[in-house]
Protein backbone atom coordinates (compact mmCIF):
# COMPACT_ATOMS: atom_id res chain seq x y z
CA MET A 1 -15.38 2.37 1.18
CA ILE A 2 -12.94 -0.86 1.64
CA SER A 3 -11.02 -0.82 4.83
CA VAL A 4 -8.11 -3.26 5.00
CA LYS A 5 -5.93 -3.33 7.90
CA ARG A 6 -2.36 -4.96 8.04
CA SER A 7 -1.85 -7.14 10.85
CA SER A 8 0.50 -5.54 13.60
CA HIS A 9 2.40 -8.84 13.90
CA ASN A 10 3.39 -8.67 9.96
CA PRO A 11 5.35 -10.25 8.93
CA VAL A 12 3.67 -13.31 10.29
CA LEU A 13 6.17 -15.95 8.63
CA ILE A 14 9.82 -14.93 7.86
CA PRO A 15 12.70 -16.97 6.53
CA GLU A 16 14.27 -19.30 8.79
CA ARG A 17 17.89 -19.02 8.70
CA ASP A 18 18.74 -21.97 10.74
CA ASN A 19 17.00 -24.16 8.00
CA SER A 20 18.96 -23.94 4.64
CA TRP A 21 15.93 -25.04 2.68
CA GLU A 22 14.00 -21.78 3.71
CA LYS A 23 16.72 -19.32 4.61
CA THR A 24 16.36 -16.99 1.86
CA ALA A 25 12.65 -16.62 1.84
CA ALA A 26 9.31 -18.06 3.02
CA PHE A 27 6.36 -16.55 1.14
CA ASN A 28 3.27 -16.77 -0.74
CA GLY A 29 1.43 -19.06 2.02
CA SER A 30 -1.99 -20.67 1.24
CA VAL A 31 -4.10 -21.34 4.43
CA ILE A 32 -6.73 -23.91 5.24
CA ARG A 33 -8.62 -24.62 8.77
CA ASP A 34 -8.09 -28.18 10.24
CA GLY A 35 -9.95 -28.43 13.30
CA GLU A 36 -8.58 -25.92 15.99
CA LEU A 37 -5.26 -25.30 13.69
CA THR A 38 -4.63 -23.12 10.70
CA ARG A 39 -2.28 -24.97 8.28
CA MET A 40 -0.32 -23.02 5.91
CA VAL A 41 1.66 -24.46 3.08
CA TYR A 42 4.11 -21.89 1.72
CA ARG A 43 6.99 -21.14 -1.00
CA ALA A 44 10.49 -21.70 0.82
CA MET A 45 13.55 -20.44 -0.91
CA SER A 46 16.84 -22.16 0.06
CA SER A 47 20.37 -20.65 0.43
CA HIS A 48 22.54 -20.64 -2.55
CA GLN A 49 23.54 -24.07 -3.57
CA ILE A 50 24.33 -26.37 -6.57
CA HIS A 51 21.27 -28.26 -7.72
CA HIS A 52 21.61 -30.46 -10.77
CA GLY A 53 24.75 -28.79 -11.66
CA HIS A 54 23.27 -25.08 -11.45
CA PRO A 55 24.04 -22.52 -9.02
CA MET A 56 20.56 -21.44 -7.78
CA LEU A 57 18.16 -20.59 -4.82
CA LEU A 58 15.89 -23.84 -4.89
CA SER A 59 12.40 -23.24 -4.14
CA THR A 60 10.49 -26.01 -2.32
CA ILE A 61 7.21 -26.09 -0.16
CA GLY A 62 7.24 -26.02 3.51
CA ILE A 63 4.15 -26.53 5.88
CA ALA A 64 3.68 -24.64 9.13
CA ASP A 65 0.76 -24.78 11.97
CA SER A 66 -0.90 -21.83 14.11
CA ALA A 67 -3.40 -21.94 16.78
CA ASP A 68 -4.47 -18.21 16.04
CA GLY A 69 -3.50 -17.58 12.28
CA VAL A 70 -0.72 -15.59 13.18
CA HIS A 71 2.12 -17.33 14.93
CA PHE A 72 3.41 -20.03 13.24
CA HIS A 73 5.42 -23.17 14.43
CA ASN A 74 6.35 -26.72 13.47
CA ARG A 75 7.61 -25.54 10.16
CA ARG A 76 9.00 -28.51 8.05
CA ARG A 77 9.69 -28.92 4.26
CA PHE A 78 6.62 -30.83 3.02
CA ILE A 79 7.04 -30.94 -0.82
CA LYS A 80 10.44 -31.15 -2.78
CA PRO A 81 11.58 -31.89 -6.23
CA GLU A 82 11.49 -35.55 -6.90
CA LYS A 83 10.19 -35.86 -10.70
CA GLU A 84 11.44 -34.47 -13.94
CA TRP A 85 8.95 -32.19 -14.37
CA GLU A 86 9.74 -30.63 -11.10
CA LYS A 87 13.29 -31.10 -11.10
CA PHE A 88 14.28 -27.50 -10.68
CA GLY A 89 11.65 -26.37 -7.97
CA CYS A 90 8.28 -26.47 -6.36
CA GLU A 91 6.52 -23.02 -6.10
CA ASP A 92 3.63 -21.29 -4.75
CA PRO A 93 1.39 -23.76 -3.45
CA ARG A 94 -2.65 -23.68 -3.03
CA ILE A 95 -4.31 -25.93 -0.78
CA THR A 96 -7.97 -27.19 -0.87
CA LYS A 97 -9.59 -29.95 0.89
CA LEU A 98 -12.30 -32.07 -0.95
CA GLY A 99 -13.81 -35.13 1.27
CA ASP A 100 -11.03 -36.36 3.35
CA THR A 101 -8.22 -35.39 0.94
CA TYR A 102 -6.01 -32.47 0.53
CA TYR A 103 -5.03 -31.21 -2.86
CA ILE A 104 -2.03 -29.01 -2.94
CA LEU A 105 -1.61 -27.18 -6.47
CA TYR A 106 1.82 -25.77 -7.25
CA THR A 107 3.96 -24.74 -10.02
CA GLY A 108 6.79 -27.13 -11.02
CA LEU A 109 9.80 -26.21 -12.70
CA SER A 110 11.07 -28.61 -15.28
CA GLY A 111 14.13 -26.72 -16.37
CA TYR A 112 16.75 -24.15 -15.53
CA PRO A 113 16.70 -21.17 -16.14
CA PRO A 114 12.89 -21.75 -16.44
CA GLY A 115 11.44 -20.56 -19.62
CA PRO A 116 7.72 -20.61 -20.38
CA ASP A 117 7.47 -24.40 -21.47
CA HIS A 118 9.28 -25.39 -17.94
CA ILE A 119 6.65 -23.70 -15.87
CA LYS A 120 3.61 -25.82 -15.38
CA ILE A 121 0.72 -26.72 -12.71
CA ALA A 122 1.40 -29.98 -10.54
CA VAL A 123 -0.51 -31.55 -7.83
CA ALA A 124 0.33 -33.13 -4.46
CA ILE A 125 -2.22 -35.27 -2.63
CA SER A 126 -2.02 -36.17 1.11
CA SER A 127 -4.74 -37.58 3.42
CA ASP A 128 -3.19 -36.19 6.63
CA LEU A 129 -0.62 -33.14 5.71
CA GLU A 130 2.04 -35.48 7.30
CA THR A 131 3.09 -37.17 4.18
CA ILE A 132 2.38 -37.23 0.21
CA ASP A 133 0.58 -39.83 -1.24
CA GLU A 134 0.73 -38.96 -4.70
CA LYS A 135 1.84 -36.36 -7.10
CA TYR A 136 1.13 -35.58 -10.84
CA PRO A 137 1.91 -32.91 -13.51
CA VAL A 138 -1.32 -31.25 -14.33
CA THR A 139 -1.12 -28.67 -17.19
CA THR A 140 0.39 -29.52 -20.42
CA PHE A 141 1.04 -26.02 -21.11
CA ASN A 142 2.49 -22.97 -19.51
CA ALA A 143 0.36 -21.87 -16.63
CA LYS A 144 0.44 -21.16 -12.77
CA ALA A 145 -1.61 -19.99 -9.93
CA GLY A 146 -3.84 -23.22 -9.60
CA ALA A 147 -6.58 -23.76 -7.33
CA LEU A 148 -9.24 -26.06 -6.49
CA PHE A 149 -12.82 -24.62 -5.44
CA PRO A 150 -13.52 -26.15 -1.79
CA GLU A 151 -16.65 -27.85 -3.01
CA LYS A 152 -18.31 -29.11 -6.47
CA ILE A 153 -19.95 -26.87 -8.49
CA ASN A 154 -23.04 -28.48 -10.35
CA GLY A 155 -21.65 -31.81 -9.46
CA LYS A 156 -18.18 -31.14 -11.17
CA TYR A 157 -14.88 -30.52 -9.50
CA THR A 158 -14.01 -26.81 -10.56
CA MET A 159 -10.31 -25.28 -10.84
CA ALA A 160 -9.24 -21.98 -11.38
CA LEU A 161 -5.83 -21.25 -13.11
CA THR A 162 -3.75 -18.77 -14.72
CA VAL A 163 -2.70 -19.42 -18.37
CA HIS A 164 0.13 -18.18 -20.02
CA THR A 165 1.62 -16.43 -17.12
CA ASP A 166 5.05 -16.59 -18.79
CA ARG A 167 3.68 -16.12 -22.37
CA PRO A 168 1.20 -13.04 -22.03
CA PRO A 169 -1.34 -12.33 -22.25
CA ALA A 170 -2.15 -14.04 -19.16
CA ALA A 171 -5.86 -15.06 -18.24
CA ILE A 172 -7.69 -16.57 -15.37
CA ALA A 173 -9.63 -19.23 -16.47
CA LEU A 174 -11.95 -22.23 -15.08
CA ALA A 175 -11.57 -25.85 -15.79
CA GLN A 176 -14.26 -28.51 -14.53
CA PHE A 177 -13.95 -32.47 -14.17
CA ASP A 178 -16.44 -35.18 -13.68
CA ARG A 179 -13.66 -37.07 -11.84
CA ILE A 180 -10.91 -36.12 -9.87
CA GLU A 181 -8.41 -38.15 -12.01
CA GLN A 182 -9.24 -35.94 -14.87
CA LEU A 183 -7.42 -32.97 -12.99
CA TRP A 184 -3.91 -34.90 -14.11
CA SER A 185 -5.21 -36.14 -17.62
CA LYS A 186 -2.92 -35.19 -20.32
CA GLU A 187 -5.85 -35.68 -22.44
CA TYR A 188 -8.30 -33.54 -20.84
CA TRP A 189 -5.83 -30.85 -20.74
CA ASP A 190 -5.21 -30.96 -24.34
CA LEU A 191 -8.53 -30.82 -25.40
CA TRP A 192 -9.33 -28.01 -22.76
CA TYR A 193 -6.31 -26.01 -24.08
CA GLN A 194 -7.54 -26.08 -27.68
CA SER A 195 -10.39 -23.43 -26.44
CA TYR A 196 -9.05 -22.18 -23.28
CA GLN A 197 -10.38 -18.68 -24.21
CA LYS A 198 -14.11 -19.99 -23.89
CA HIS A 199 -13.29 -20.49 -20.26
CA VAL A 200 -11.55 -17.02 -19.35
CA ILE A 201 -12.93 -15.03 -16.43
CA ASP A 202 -12.08 -11.58 -17.70
CA LEU A 203 -10.75 -9.21 -15.14
CA GLN A 204 -8.11 -7.19 -17.34
CA ARG A 205 -8.79 -3.52 -17.85
CA SER A 206 -5.85 -3.02 -20.10
CA ASP A 207 -3.82 -5.04 -22.50
CA THR A 208 -0.46 -3.80 -20.77
CA ASP A 209 -1.64 -5.16 -17.58
CA GLN A 210 -1.58 -8.76 -16.21
CA VAL A 211 -4.19 -10.73 -13.82
CA GLU A 212 -3.11 -13.71 -11.81
CA LEU A 213 -5.30 -16.07 -9.41
CA GLY A 214 -4.34 -15.30 -5.78
CA ALA A 215 -6.10 -17.32 -3.02
CA VAL A 216 -8.41 -20.34 -3.38
CA PRO A 217 -11.82 -19.04 -4.01
CA LEU A 218 -14.10 -18.34 -0.74
CA LYS A 219 -17.64 -19.28 -0.75
CA THR A 220 -19.92 -16.47 0.48
CA ASP A 221 -23.83 -16.24 0.59
CA GLN A 222 -23.59 -13.81 -2.52
CA GLY A 223 -20.74 -15.30 -4.60
CA TRP A 224 -17.42 -17.08 -4.76
CA LEU A 225 -14.77 -14.40 -3.64
CA LEU A 226 -11.98 -14.50 -5.89
CA ILE A 227 -8.71 -12.83 -4.63
CA HIS A 228 -6.51 -11.99 -7.36
CA ALA A 229 -3.15 -10.13 -8.28
CA TYR A 230 -3.45 -7.22 -10.79
CA ILE A 231 -0.25 -6.29 -12.29
CA GLY A 232 -0.10 -2.72 -13.96
CA ASN A 233 2.20 -2.08 -16.83
CA TYR A 234 3.36 -5.62 -16.89
CA LYS A 235 4.61 -4.96 -20.47
CA THR A 236 5.84 -1.58 -20.03
CA PRO A 237 7.64 -1.42 -16.35
CA PRO A 238 8.03 -0.21 -13.89
CA MET A 239 5.19 -2.76 -13.03
CA THR A 240 2.59 -2.06 -10.17
CA PHE A 241 1.29 -4.75 -8.31
CA GLY A 242 -1.95 -4.56 -6.15
CA ILE A 243 -4.50 -7.14 -4.81
CA GLU A 244 -8.03 -7.11 -6.00
CA ALA A 245 -11.01 -9.21 -5.75
CA ALA A 246 -13.88 -10.49 -7.95
CA LEU A 247 -17.13 -11.96 -6.83
CA LEU A 248 -18.11 -15.11 -9.20
CA ASP A 249 -21.79 -16.41 -9.45
CA LEU A 250 -22.21 -19.66 -7.24
CA GLU A 251 -23.67 -21.75 -9.92
CA ASP A 252 -21.94 -20.11 -12.92
CA PRO A 253 -18.62 -19.21 -11.72
CA GLN A 254 -17.20 -17.75 -15.03
CA LYS A 255 -19.82 -14.97 -14.61
CA VAL A 256 -18.58 -11.85 -12.65
CA ILE A 257 -21.14 -10.32 -10.69
CA GLY A 258 -18.84 -7.75 -8.88
CA ARG A 259 -15.44 -6.68 -8.38
CA THR A 260 -13.42 -4.28 -6.82
CA ARG A 261 -12.69 -1.05 -9.04
CA HIS A 262 -9.15 -0.28 -7.24
CA PRO A 263 -6.54 -2.13 -5.42
CA MET A 264 -7.40 -3.05 -1.76
CA LEU A 265 -3.70 -3.31 -1.06
CA VAL A 266 -0.65 -1.85 -2.73
CA PRO A 267 2.91 -2.14 -1.56
CA ARG A 268 3.61 0.36 1.00
CA GLU A 269 5.14 -0.89 4.14
CA TYR A 270 8.97 -1.49 4.36
CA TYR A 271 8.46 -5.23 4.46
CA GLU A 272 6.47 -4.87 1.25
CA MET A 273 8.82 -2.72 -0.58
CA TYR A 274 12.42 -4.22 0.29
CA GLY A 275 13.18 -8.04 0.04
CA GLU A 276 14.22 -10.63 -2.68
CA VAL A 277 11.87 -8.65 -5.11
CA PRO A 278 10.91 -5.11 -3.93
CA ASN A 279 7.88 -3.53 -4.21
CA VAL A 280 5.77 -6.72 -4.77
CA ILE A 281 2.64 -8.09 -2.74
CA PHE A 282 0.95 -11.25 -4.08
CA PRO A 283 -2.32 -12.39 -2.30
CA SER A 284 -1.85 -16.45 -1.74
CA GLY A 285 -4.23 -17.26 0.87
CA GLY A 286 -7.41 -16.67 2.60
CA LEU A 287 -9.94 -17.53 5.09
CA ILE A 288 -13.23 -16.21 6.58
CA GLU A 289 -13.86 -15.91 10.05
CA ASN A 290 -16.50 -14.11 12.09
CA GLY A 291 -17.41 -11.97 9.32
CA GLU A 292 -13.77 -11.06 8.30
CA LEU A 293 -11.48 -11.93 5.54
CA HIS A 294 -8.11 -12.73 6.62
CA LEU A 295 -5.93 -12.54 3.40
CA TYR A 296 -2.48 -13.73 3.45
CA TYR A 297 0.14 -12.60 1.17
CA GLY A 298 3.59 -12.37 -0.17
CA ALA A 299 5.87 -9.55 0.65
CA ALA A 300 8.66 -8.68 -1.76
CA ASP A 301 8.92 -12.40 -2.50
CA THR A 302 10.45 -12.86 1.15
CA THR A 303 7.88 -13.07 3.75
CA VAL A 304 4.36 -14.05 4.34
CA CYS A 305 1.95 -11.16 5.66
CA LEU A 306 -1.79 -10.82 6.75
CA ALA A 307 -4.51 -8.33 6.33
CA THR A 308 -8.01 -8.57 7.40
CA THR A 309 -11.34 -6.63 6.11
CA ASN A 310 -14.91 -7.16 6.94
CA VAL A 311 -16.49 -9.25 4.40
CA SER A 312 -20.10 -7.47 4.13
CA GLU A 313 -18.35 -4.05 3.57
CA LEU A 314 -15.98 -5.70 0.95
CA LEU A 315 -19.07 -7.46 -1.08
CA GLU A 316 -21.06 -4.31 -0.85
CA SER A 317 -18.42 -2.24 -2.29
CA MET A 318 -18.18 -4.58 -4.88
CA THR A 319 -21.72 -5.28 -6.04
CA LYS A 320 -23.29 -1.82 -5.53
CA LYS A 321 -23.84 0.32 -8.87
CA GLN A 322 -21.54 3.21 -9.54
CA LYS A 323 -23.30 6.61 -9.10
CA ALA A 324 -23.55 8.80 -12.12
CA GLN A 325 -21.72 11.57 -10.51
CA GLU A 326 -18.77 13.95 -10.82
CA PRO A 327 -15.65 13.24 -8.70
CA VAL A 328 -15.28 15.36 -5.75
CA ARG A 329 -14.20 18.74 -6.62
CA PHE A 330 -13.73 21.97 -4.60
CA LYS A 331 -15.22 25.28 -6.14
CA ARG A 332 -12.93 28.13 -6.52
CA PHE A 333 -13.73 31.18 -4.89
CA ASP A 334 -15.18 33.89 -7.57
CA ASN A 335 -13.07 36.75 -6.04
CA ASN A 336 -9.83 34.91 -6.07
CA PRO A 337 -7.04 35.80 -5.29
CA ILE A 338 -7.86 37.08 -1.74
CA ILE A 339 -4.08 38.05 -0.86
CA SER A 340 -1.79 39.55 -3.18
CA PRO A 341 1.65 40.80 -3.39
CA ASN A 342 1.77 44.68 -1.94
CA PRO A 343 4.41 46.68 -3.43
CA ASN A 344 4.23 49.09 -0.70
CA ASN A 345 5.48 46.56 1.77
CA GLU A 346 9.03 45.69 0.57
CA TRP A 347 8.99 42.33 2.70
CA GLU A 348 5.71 41.04 0.56
CA ALA A 349 6.47 42.88 -2.75
CA ARG A 350 7.42 39.81 -4.94
CA ASN A 351 4.90 36.89 -3.90
CA THR A 352 2.42 36.22 -1.26
CA PHE A 353 1.37 32.38 -1.23
CA ASN A 354 1.18 28.86 0.45
CA PRO A 355 -0.87 29.87 3.41
CA THR A 356 -1.93 28.29 6.45
CA ALA A 357 -4.84 28.83 8.86
CA ILE A 358 -6.47 28.34 12.05
CA TYR A 359 -9.80 29.28 13.30
CA LEU A 360 -9.60 30.97 16.78
CA ASP A 361 -11.41 33.71 18.79
CA ASN A 362 -14.32 33.52 16.02
CA LYS A 363 -12.28 34.39 13.11
CA PHE A 364 -9.94 32.89 10.61
CA HIS A 365 -6.28 33.72 11.07
CA ILE A 366 -4.33 33.22 8.06
CA LEU A 367 -0.53 32.83 7.90
CA TYR A 368 1.12 33.18 4.49
CA ARG A 369 4.45 32.92 2.91
CA ALA A 370 5.58 36.25 1.65
CA MET A 371 8.73 37.03 -0.19
CA ASN A 372 10.68 40.07 -1.09
CA GLU A 373 12.51 40.87 -4.48
CA THR A 374 15.41 39.38 -3.32
CA GLY A 375 14.05 35.96 -2.38
CA VAL A 376 13.61 36.20 1.35
CA SER A 377 10.46 34.59 2.75
CA VAL A 378 9.18 35.68 6.02
CA VAL A 379 5.39 34.87 7.56
CA GLY A 380 2.71 37.67 6.87
CA TYR A 381 -0.78 37.54 8.69
CA ALA A 382 -4.20 38.37 7.75
CA ALA A 383 -7.71 37.67 9.54
CA SER A 384 -11.19 37.15 7.83
CA ARG A 385 -14.28 36.37 9.78
CA ASP A 386 -15.84 34.31 7.01
CA GLY A 387 -12.71 32.76 5.60
CA LEU A 388 -13.47 34.37 2.10
CA HIS A 389 -13.02 38.12 2.56
CA ILE A 390 -9.83 39.92 4.29
CA ASP A 391 -11.15 41.99 6.98
CA GLU A 392 -7.38 42.75 8.18
CA ARG A 393 -3.98 42.69 7.10
CA LEU A 394 -1.03 43.49 8.75
CA ASN A 395 1.80 45.79 7.28
CA LYS A 396 4.65 43.93 9.00
CA PRO A 397 5.54 40.04 8.93
CA ILE A 398 4.83 38.30 12.07
CA TYR A 399 7.71 35.75 11.71
CA THR A 400 11.16 36.70 10.11
CA PRO A 401 14.59 34.67 9.84
CA ARG A 402 16.49 34.70 13.15
CA GLU A 403 18.77 31.85 13.24
CA PRO A 404 21.89 31.10 10.91
CA PHE A 405 20.09 28.04 9.36
CA GLU A 406 17.39 30.20 7.78
CA THR A 407 19.54 33.49 6.75
CA SER A 408 21.80 33.81 3.74
CA ASP A 409 24.76 36.47 3.31
CA SER A 410 23.93 36.73 -0.24
CA PRO A 411 20.69 37.53 -2.45
CA GLY A 412 18.87 34.71 -3.17
CA PHE A 413 16.20 32.22 -1.85
CA SER A 414 16.19 31.84 1.63
CA GLY A 415 14.14 32.24 5.00
CA CYS A 416 11.18 30.90 6.47
CA GLU A 417 8.86 28.83 4.04
CA ASP A 418 5.54 27.27 3.81
CA ALA A 419 4.34 27.61 7.69
CA ARG A 420 1.78 25.03 8.96
CA ILE A 421 0.29 25.78 12.13
CA THR A 422 -1.53 23.53 14.69
CA GLN A 423 -3.09 23.94 18.07
CA ILE A 424 -2.52 21.41 20.62
CA ASP A 425 -4.14 22.57 24.01
CA ASP A 426 -3.22 26.13 24.89
CA THR A 427 -0.07 26.01 22.33
CA LEU A 428 0.17 26.93 18.82
CA TYR A 429 2.66 24.72 16.83
CA MET A 430 4.41 26.32 13.87
CA THR A 431 6.55 24.21 11.34
CA TYR A 432 8.01 25.66 8.44
CA THR A 433 10.89 25.01 5.98
CA ALA A 434 14.08 26.71 7.12
CA PHE A 435 16.48 27.60 3.99
CA ASP A 436 20.03 29.08 4.16
CA GLY A 437 20.51 29.47 0.49
CA ARG A 438 23.15 26.48 0.82
CA ASN A 439 22.28 23.59 2.63
CA PRO A 440 19.17 21.25 1.79
CA PRO A 441 15.88 22.76 3.26
CA ARG A 442 15.19 21.61 6.81
CA VAL A 443 12.21 21.63 9.05
CA ALA A 444 11.95 24.19 12.05
CA LEU A 445 9.54 24.50 14.94
CA SER A 446 8.87 27.49 16.72
CA THR A 447 5.55 27.75 19.13
CA ILE A 448 3.57 30.62 20.76
CA SER A 449 1.04 30.41 23.51
CA VAL A 450 -2.74 30.75 22.02
CA ASP A 451 -3.19 33.81 24.58
CA ASN A 452 -0.26 35.62 22.95
CA PHE A 453 -1.18 34.87 19.39
CA ILE A 454 -4.86 36.37 20.04
CA SER A 455 -3.31 39.41 21.70
CA ARG A 456 -0.87 39.82 18.94
CA ASN A 457 1.95 39.78 21.03
CA TRP A 458 4.16 37.60 18.89
CA ALA A 459 6.50 36.02 21.37
CA TRP A 460 7.41 33.06 19.20
CA SER A 461 10.17 30.54 20.87
CA LYS A 462 13.54 30.06 19.70
CA PRO A 463 13.28 28.05 16.49
CA LYS A 464 14.72 25.00 16.47
CA LEU A 465 15.46 22.31 13.40
CA ILE A 466 13.76 18.84 13.81
CA SER A 467 14.59 16.97 10.75
CA PRO A 468 17.94 15.51 9.91
CA PRO A 469 20.77 17.49 8.47
CA GLY A 470 22.20 16.85 5.11
CA MET A 471 18.34 15.83 3.82
CA MET A 472 15.66 17.66 2.11
CA ASP A 473 12.83 17.70 4.28
CA LYS A 474 9.69 19.87 4.22
CA ASN A 475 5.99 19.91 4.33
CA CYS A 476 5.72 19.51 8.07
CA CYS A 477 2.77 19.55 10.47
CA PHE A 478 1.34 18.19 13.75
CA LEU A 479 -1.78 16.44 14.42
CA PRO A 480 -4.00 18.61 16.42
CA GLU A 481 -4.27 15.80 19.17
CA LYS A 482 -1.65 13.58 20.88
CA ILE A 483 -2.27 9.87 20.44
CA SER A 484 -1.27 7.58 23.43
CA GLY A 485 0.59 10.57 24.70
CA LYS A 486 2.62 11.26 21.72
CA TYR A 487 2.88 14.35 19.17
CA ILE A 488 2.24 12.82 15.51
CA ILE A 489 4.09 14.81 13.21
CA PHE A 490 3.81 14.51 9.48
CA HIS A 491 6.61 15.31 6.99
CA ARG A 492 8.06 14.69 3.55
CA LEU A 493 11.14 12.60 2.73
CA GLU A 494 11.73 10.75 -0.36
CA ASN A 495 8.83 12.19 -2.22
CA HIS A 496 6.38 10.87 0.02
CA ILE A 497 4.68 11.93 3.36
CA TRP A 498 6.16 10.34 6.47
CA VAL A 499 4.64 10.27 10.07
CA ASP A 500 6.53 10.13 13.25
CA ALA A 501 5.23 9.81 16.89
CA SER A 502 7.52 11.42 19.63
CA ALA A 503 6.84 11.68 23.34
CA THR A 504 8.83 14.65 23.36
CA LEU A 505 10.09 17.62 21.38
CA ASN A 506 13.75 17.37 22.34
CA PHE A 507 15.11 17.15 18.71
CA GLY A 508 18.55 17.74 18.04
CA GLU A 509 21.96 15.77 17.97
CA ASN A 510 21.08 11.96 17.74
CA ARG A 511 17.18 12.66 17.66
CA TRP A 512 15.59 13.84 14.41
CA LEU A 513 12.17 13.56 12.60
CA GLU A 514 11.90 9.92 11.28
CA GLY A 515 9.25 7.40 11.29
CA SER A 516 7.60 5.60 8.47
CA GLY A 517 5.83 6.23 5.23
CA VAL A 518 2.29 6.70 5.53
CA LEU A 519 1.34 7.97 1.72
CA LYS A 520 3.70 7.51 -1.44
CA PRO A 521 3.31 8.57 -5.05
CA ARG A 522 1.21 6.19 -7.16
CA PRO A 523 2.60 5.16 -10.36
CA ASN A 524 0.57 6.14 -13.62
CA SER A 525 -1.49 8.37 -11.49
CA TRP A 526 -1.86 12.17 -11.27
CA ASP A 527 0.17 12.28 -8.08
CA SER A 528 3.32 10.15 -9.60
CA LEU A 529 6.20 11.68 -8.90
CA LYS A 530 5.87 13.34 -5.35
CA ILE A 531 3.57 14.26 -2.48
CA GLY A 532 3.51 16.39 0.41
CA ILE A 533 1.08 17.21 3.20
CA ALA A 534 -1.01 20.25 2.35
CA SER A 535 -2.56 21.29 5.93
CA THR A 536 -3.01 19.91 9.37
CA PRO A 537 -5.33 16.88 9.27
CA ILE A 538 -9.16 17.68 10.09
CA LYS A 539 -10.92 15.36 12.26
CA SER A 540 -14.03 13.97 10.84
CA ARG A 541 -16.44 11.17 11.92
CA ALA A 542 -14.71 8.56 10.05
CA GLY A 543 -11.17 9.44 10.65
CA TRP A 544 -8.35 12.13 9.97
CA VAL A 545 -8.83 13.67 6.67
CA LEU A 546 -5.48 14.70 5.30
CA PHE A 547 -5.19 16.91 2.13
CA TYR A 548 -1.83 16.59 0.18
CA HIS A 549 -0.44 18.03 -2.90
CA GLY A 550 0.82 15.75 -5.69
CA LEU A 551 3.13 16.34 -8.69
CA SER A 552 2.51 14.47 -11.88
CA GLN A 553 5.36 12.81 -13.46
CA THR A 554 3.75 12.80 -17.02
CA ASP A 555 2.56 16.62 -17.34
CA GLY A 556 4.52 18.07 -14.34
CA GLN A 557 1.21 19.51 -12.79
CA TYR A 558 0.38 19.98 -9.05
CA ARG A 559 -2.82 18.76 -7.96
CA VAL A 560 -4.78 18.52 -4.55
CA GLY A 561 -5.77 15.13 -3.28
CA ALA A 562 -7.21 13.63 -0.08
CA ALA A 563 -6.72 10.27 2.06
CA LEU A 564 -8.60 9.33 5.33
CA LEU A 565 -6.42 8.12 8.16
CA ASP A 566 -7.46 5.81 11.29
CA PHE A 567 -8.26 7.66 14.58
CA GLN A 568 -5.65 5.76 16.39
CA ASP A 569 -3.44 3.80 13.97
CA ILE A 570 -2.54 6.94 12.31
CA ASP A 571 -0.54 5.02 9.26
CA ASN A 572 -3.47 2.93 8.41
CA VAL A 573 -4.77 4.57 5.28
CA LEU A 574 -8.50 3.83 5.35
CA ALA A 575 -9.16 5.27 1.88
CA ARG A 576 -7.55 7.39 -0.83
CA LEU A 577 -9.16 9.42 -3.51
CA SER A 578 -8.38 8.17 -6.95
CA ASP A 579 -8.99 11.54 -8.72
CA PRO A 580 -7.66 15.00 -7.61
């Protein structure tokens, strides 16, 4: 299991509104340790300007310093267009130090608007990261995302690059040089390009996807760690951006000895989903310090962000053999269904479904949605000692519509739907979907003491709406523990699962459920259209296990999945099953 944690300081670098050259965006940062400092070179995008007769946002390369790798200062423009081959922009730098010299590979744009033949790799050379000593064009063909390895391999300078980024199919490939001057030799690259397919590192899983080099390769005891972007559906949008990794042999870096099988990160946070280019994350820099990978990445082509993960765990997950086993599956009970509609009870004659359950007083208490023939929903009750066989079922509902926001004056669907119940201390918190048949469904909350519940004194508190008016919100439940003194409440907005932390339950007027998205649908997966929490999260030794239902955009089928959330940082998703 790979646990990747986003920095609480994200974004760690944002556009500087007072600097016209980096007013729009500051992203795709590449880093290097220089004594006590972390030095970052990054792509900066200007405010709108006229450049060589064209209105545009001009990209140049900035540099900044940090004592802790998080807070950057002393920002200044470092590389700007000066030559014909970079006339219309300098993009996406990657910095490597060899000996006493810094080599910064970047993308130079020679035309506008840039086509494939205008987009090539260039290099800037500096002895002190204060001034640029030399600049050269590198590739003679369309390529981006070039990086020099931080040491020679078998006596040769080694470079990784992405060929044909703008003339797919793209490929990550290797080039090696006896002399550093060959890096900018036209003759070398013309010859290399004739057989570049021989130098490709094969990382692409589908012909419709695209791979691009991310950070400068990092040396570990087990191999070269190559962080890269994996872009799904590149040829058939919508594209899906993810960050993955490969492990290359130390002596033969074209040989892949391990790799991630799924993205380590996908766009999830607000700063990753909204910006100059929404829903994009792109790895651009990395450091290994104290056993942790510090991964810097561009978010929405607007800012630089940071995430960390344990290197040993990452390498283990990349190199261990896949076990020949079936995916995790629940076994359906042979005697299903355990609760069915009862035609003798008008209130549950039509449907009985979508239950919630809690274990108290040595038995399972099952609260289920019951519907009459006119479509009104109420909450029914059944009890079971083993959770499989119903020992008792009440002939009357234990919860019925009481307020205008959950009752309708005309026949049709309305009422109290899909309850979820959670115990916190000596109180049970029941959330449900309240629907009046007219307005969008909203989340309602009612409570009852544990003693009253066990005694079957159904003294529920007066229900109140806790989700915003005018917005469909449902699939709500509480975490069974407070975190830092706050209630943790999950709910569904915009087809994905949100989580809110609230010190009180005084909802109404200007305070409604909100928070941030913690899980979202995954394109081209079984849960691609919408998802909602299934039940109260369960505390395990590794984190909170959250079950959810997902709807497929492809076949319209509902399935059940699971994710693992951090104990304290509840919106940190530690793991999520790929299969239902």
